[in-house]
Amino acid sequence: MNKKEVIRMPYIGGVLSVNHYLGKRKGGGFYTKPEVLDWEEEFGWLLKRLHLEDWKLPLKVTCDGVFKDERSAPDLSNLSKIILDTIQDISDVNDKNFRWKDGTRTISKEEPYLLITIEEGDEKKQDKADKRQEKGTTS
């Protein structure tokens, strides 16, 4: 049976988007906004206990979200960079071994949150993919 874990994280707003997580320095260059660093740290501590480096690859990552209204509900794929980069940083699993899937966006009066589901890969499918790669084919 494949491992599966669902992690609930607060949705802290558009700052988690690939389009908004960086700020510009006055002298040039960019920095990751402090609230994003705090979110990544919280998510990272929840990931550490999973020991994802021991899971079968590829890891399937699905993100569902609950938001207050349609206006504040992001395109979930815009959250993939922050989520997948954090998983890679914590687990040392290269992001080429991740398969992202947008989940569902739900509108509710609840406080906004994300449900991030991580599933272990299917070993049989991975074996087939590895054999294709060794042969130099991609189909």
C-alpha atoms as a PDB file:
ATOM      1  CA  MET A   1       0.000   0.000   0.000  1.00  0.00           C
ATOM      2  CA  ASN A   2       1.341   3.409  -0.962  1.00  0.00           C
ATOM      3  CA  LYS A   3       1.965   6.031   1.695  1.00  0.00           C
ATOM      4  CA  LYS A   4      -0.226   9.128   1.694  1.00  0.00           C
ATOM      5  CA  GLU A   5      -0.224  12.184   3.938  1.00  0.00           C
ATOM      6  CA  VAL A   6      -2.506  15.237   4.017  1.00  0.00           C
ATOM      7  CA  ILE A   7      -1.120  18.412   5.575  1.00  0.00           C
ATOM      8  CA  ARG A   8      -3.348  21.353   6.441  1.00  0.00           C
ATOM      9  CA  MET A   9      -1.647  24.736   6.156  1.00  0.00           C
ATOM     10  CA  PRO A  10      -3.066  28.248   6.513  1.00  0.00           C
ATOM     11  CA  TYR A  11      -3.521  30.174   3.301  1.00  0.00           C
ATOM     12  CA  ILE A  12      -1.797  33.487   4.031  1.00  0.00           C
ATOM     13  CA  GLY A  13      -2.910  35.195   0.837  1.00  0.00           C
ATOM     14  CA  GLY A  14      -1.523  36.042  -2.564  1.00  0.00           C
ATOM     15  CA  VAL A  15       1.996  36.362  -1.160  1.00  0.00           C
ATOM     16  CA  LEU A  16       2.312  32.552  -1.595  1.00  0.00           C
ATOM     17  CA  SER A  17       1.874  32.917  -5.347  1.00  0.00           C
ATOM     18  CA  VAL A  18       4.827  32.502  -7.692  1.00  0.00           C
ATOM     19  CA  ASN A  19       3.921  36.013  -8.861  1.00  0.00           C
ATOM     20  CA  HIS A  20       4.199  37.698  -5.445  1.00  0.00           C
ATOM     21  CA  TYR A  21       6.544  35.843  -3.057  1.00  0.00           C
ATOM     22  CA  LEU A  22       9.624  37.924  -3.914  1.00  0.00           C
ATOM     23  CA  GLY A  23      10.291  41.530  -2.959  1.00  0.00           C
ATOM     24  CA  LYS A  24      12.742  43.922  -4.640  1.00  0.00           C
ATOM     25  CA  ARG A  25      15.735  45.316  -2.802  1.00  0.00           C
ATOM     26  CA  LYS A  26      16.410  49.042  -3.149  1.00  0.00           C
ATOM     27  CA  GLY A  27      19.950  48.415  -4.355  1.00  0.00           C
ATOM     28  CA  GLY A  28      18.823  45.742  -6.805  1.00  0.00           C
ATOM     29  CA  GLY A  29      18.128  42.048  -6.443  1.00  0.00           C
ATOM     30  CA  PHE A  30      15.306  40.169  -4.813  1.00  0.00           C
ATOM     31  CA  TYR A  31      14.453  38.617  -1.457  1.00  0.00           C
ATOM     32  CA  THR A  32      11.805  36.170  -0.264  1.00  0.00           C
ATOM     33  CA  LYS A  33       9.189  37.986   1.793  1.00  0.00           C
ATOM     34  CA  PRO A  34       9.351  37.249   5.550  1.00  0.00           C
ATOM     35  CA  GLU A  35       5.785  35.905   5.783  1.00  0.00           C
ATOM     36  CA  VAL A  36       6.599  33.381   3.044  1.00  0.00           C
ATOM     37  CA  LEU A  37       9.763  32.284   4.897  1.00  0.00           C
ATOM     38  CA  ASP A  38       7.664  31.785   8.068  1.00  0.00           C
ATOM     39  CA  TRP A  39       5.080  29.742   6.119  1.00  0.00           C
ATOM     40  CA  GLU A  40       7.816  27.604   4.535  1.00  0.00           C
ATOM     41  CA  GLU A  41       9.380  26.967   7.946  1.00  0.00           C
ATOM     42  CA  GLU A  42       6.054  25.832   9.425  1.00  0.00           C
ATOM     43  CA  PHE A  43       5.370  23.575   6.427  1.00  0.00           C
ATOM     44  CA  GLY A  44       8.932  22.246   6.556  1.00  0.00           C
ATOM     45  CA  TRP A  45       8.593  21.110  10.175  1.00  0.00           C
ATOM     46  CA  LEU A  46       5.429  19.197   9.269  1.00  0.00           C
ATOM     47  CA  LEU A  47       7.238  17.578   6.320  1.00  0.00           C
ATOM     48  CA  LYS A  48      10.360  16.551   8.251  1.00  0.00           C
ATOM     49  CA  ARG A  49       8.582  13.840  10.205  1.00  0.00           C
ATOM     50  CA  LEU A  50       7.472  12.129   6.977  1.00  0.00           C
ATOM     51  CA  HIS A  51      10.991  11.229   5.761  1.00  0.00           C
ATOM     52  CA  LEU A  52       9.904  11.681   2.134  1.00  0.00           C
ATOM     53  CA  GLU A  53      13.388  10.694   0.955  1.00  0.00           C
ATOM     54  CA  ASP A  54      12.409   7.099   1.837  1.00  0.00           C
ATOM     55  CA  TRP A  55       9.157   7.135  -0.172  1.00  0.00           C
ATOM     56  CA  LYS A  56       8.781   5.581  -3.619  1.00  0.00           C
ATOM     57  CA  LEU A  57       9.078   8.125  -6.411  1.00  0.00           C
ATOM     58  CA  PRO A  58       7.639  10.065  -8.109  1.00  0.00           C
ATOM     59  CA  LEU A  59       5.823  11.881  -5.312  1.00  0.00           C
ATOM     60  CA  LYS A  60       2.335  13.049  -6.272  1.00  0.00           C
ATOM     61  CA  VAL A  61       1.481  16.426  -4.749  1.00  0.00           C
ATOM     62  CA  THR A  62      -2.082  17.751  -4.858  1.00  0.00           C
ATOM     63  CA  CYS A  63      -3.187  21.078  -3.433  1.00  0.00           C
ATOM     64  CA  ASP A  64      -6.806  21.792  -2.489  1.00  0.00           C
ATOM     65  CA  GLY A  65      -7.895  25.072  -0.961  1.00  0.00           C
ATOM     66  CA  VAL A  66     -10.718  26.642   1.008  1.00  0.00           C
ATOM     67  CA  PHE A  67     -11.116  30.379   0.436  1.00  0.00           C
ATOM     68  CA  LYS A  68     -13.519  33.107   1.586  1.00  0.00           C
ATOM     69  CA  ASP A  69     -14.564  34.218  -1.892  1.00  0.00           C
ATOM     70  CA  GLU A  70     -13.792  33.746  -5.558  1.00  0.00           C
ATOM     71  CA  ARG A  71     -11.767  36.965  -5.672  1.00  0.00           C
ATOM     72  CA  SER A  72      -9.306  35.759  -3.029  1.00  0.00           C
ATOM     73  CA  ALA A  73      -9.056  32.198  -4.382  1.00  0.00           C
ATOM     74  CA  PRO A  74      -5.764  31.798  -6.268  1.00  0.00           C
ATOM     75  CA  ASP A  75      -4.929  29.710  -9.285  1.00  0.00           C
ATOM     76  CA  LEU A  76      -3.628  26.711  -7.324  1.00  0.00           C
ATOM     77  CA  SER A  77      -0.841  26.044  -9.827  1.00  0.00           C
ATOM     78  CA  ASN A  78       0.646  29.429  -8.848  1.00  0.00           C
ATOM     79  CA  LEU A  79       1.263  27.978  -5.372  1.00  0.00           C
ATOM     80  CA  SER A  80       3.260  25.027  -6.700  1.00  0.00           C
ATOM     81  CA  LYS A  81       6.657  26.777  -6.646  1.00  0.00           C
ATOM     82  CA  ILE A  82       6.595  27.567  -2.922  1.00  0.00           C
ATOM     83  CA  ILE A  83       5.125  24.170  -1.985  1.00  0.00           C
ATOM     84  CA  LEU A  84       7.400  22.054  -4.196  1.00  0.00           C
ATOM     85  CA  ASP A  85      10.536  24.050  -3.381  1.00  0.00           C
ATOM     86  CA  THR A  86       9.861  23.557   0.331  1.00  0.00           C
ATOM     87  CA  ILE A  87       9.363  19.807  -0.145  1.00  0.00           C
ATOM     88  CA  GLN A  88      12.624  19.626  -2.129  1.00  0.00           C
ATOM     89  CA  ASP A  89      14.558  21.652   0.471  1.00  0.00           C
ATOM     90  CA  ILE A  90      13.359  19.489   3.368  1.00  0.00           C
ATOM     91  CA  SER A  91      13.518  16.049   1.745  1.00  0.00           C
ATOM     92  CA  ASP A  92      16.437  16.410  -0.681  1.00  0.00           C
ATOM     93  CA  VAL A  93      14.203  14.753  -3.294  1.00  0.00           C
ATOM     94  CA  ASN A  94      14.830  16.478  -6.632  1.00  0.00           C
ATOM     95  CA  ASP A  95      11.741  18.276  -7.921  1.00  0.00           C
ATOM     96  CA  LYS A  96      11.929  16.339 -11.200  1.00  0.00           C
ATOM     97  CA  ASN A  97      10.486  13.504  -9.065  1.00  0.00           C
ATOM     98  CA  PHE A  98       7.320  15.463  -8.188  1.00  0.00           C
ATOM     99  CA  ARG A  99       4.008  15.325 -10.028  1.00  0.00           C
ATOM    100  CA  TRP A 100       1.849  18.393  -9.282  1.00  0.00           C
ATOM    101  CA  LYS A 101      -1.927  18.370  -9.532  1.00  0.00           C
ATOM    102  CA  ASP A 102      -4.307  21.254  -8.897  1.00  0.00           C
ATOM    103  CA  GLY A 103      -7.038  20.106  -6.545  1.00  0.00           C
ATOM    104  CA  THR A 104     -10.354  21.776  -5.869  1.00  0.00           C
ATOM    105  CA  ARG A 105     -11.059  25.328  -4.793  1.00  0.00           C
ATOM    106  CA  THR A 106     -13.889  25.609  -2.282  1.00  0.00           C
ATOM    107  CA  ILE A 107     -15.584  28.837  -1.228  1.00  0.00           C
ATOM    108  CA  SER A 108     -16.530  28.927   2.448  1.00  0.00           C
ATOM    109  CA  LYS A 109     -16.886  31.323   5.379  1.00  0.00           C
ATOM    110  CA  GLU A 110     -14.113  29.389   7.168  1.00  0.00           C
ATOM    111  CA  GLU A 111     -10.653  30.815   7.649  1.00  0.00           C
ATOM    112  CA  PRO A 112      -8.733  30.104   4.384  1.00  0.00           C
ATOM    113  CA  TYR A 113      -6.486  27.031   4.333  1.00  0.00           C
ATOM    114  CA  LEU A 114      -4.716  24.623   2.002  1.00  0.00           C
ATOM    115  CA  LEU A 115      -4.800  20.835   2.068  1.00  0.00           C
ATOM    116  CA  ILE A 116      -1.562  19.523   0.598  1.00  0.00           C
ATOM    117  CA  THR A 117      -1.681  15.819  -0.185  1.00  0.00           C
ATOM    118  CA  ILE A 118       1.562  13.950  -0.793  1.00  0.00           C
ATOM    119  CA  GLU A 119       1.352  10.417  -2.159  1.00  0.00           C
ATOM    120  CA  GLU A 120       4.034   7.874  -2.739  1.00  0.00           C
ATOM    121  CA  GLY A 121       4.642   6.897  -6.354  1.00  0.00           C
ATOM    122  CA  ASP A 122       3.721   3.631  -7.977  1.00  0.00           C
ATOM    123  CA  GLU A 123       6.858   1.494  -8.097  1.00  0.00           C
ATOM    124  CA  LYS A 124       5.713  -0.447 -11.179  1.00  0.00           C
ATOM    125  CA  LYS A 125       5.103   2.745 -13.163  1.00  0.00           C
ATOM    126  CA  GLN A 126       8.467   4.128 -12.031  1.00  0.00           C
ATOM    127  CA  ASP A 127      10.253   0.931 -13.129  1.00  0.00           C
ATOM    128  CA  LYS A 128       8.698   1.276 -16.600  1.00  0.00           C
ATOM    129  CA  ALA A 129       9.706   4.937 -16.791  1.00  0.00           C
ATOM    130  CA  ASP A 130      13.272   4.086 -15.729  1.00  0.00           C
ATOM    131  CA  LYS A 131      13.517   1.385 -18.417  1.00  0.00           C
ATOM    132  CA  ARG A 132      12.245   3.816 -21.083  1.00  0.00           C
ATOM    133  CA  GLN A 133      14.801   6.385 -19.972  1.00  0.00           C
ATOM    134  CA  GLU A 134      17.615   3.805 -20.173  1.00  0.00           C
ATOM    135  CA  LYS A 135      16.543   2.983 -23.735  1.00  0.00           C
ATOM    136  CA  GLY A 136      16.391   6.690 -24.587  1.00  0.00           C
ATOM    137  CA  THR A 137      12.654   6.765 -25.317  1.00  0.00           C
ATOM    138  CA  THR A 138       9.990   8.909 -23.708  1.00  0.00           C
ATOM    139  CA  SER A 139       6.689   7.271 -24.633  1.00  0.00           C
END
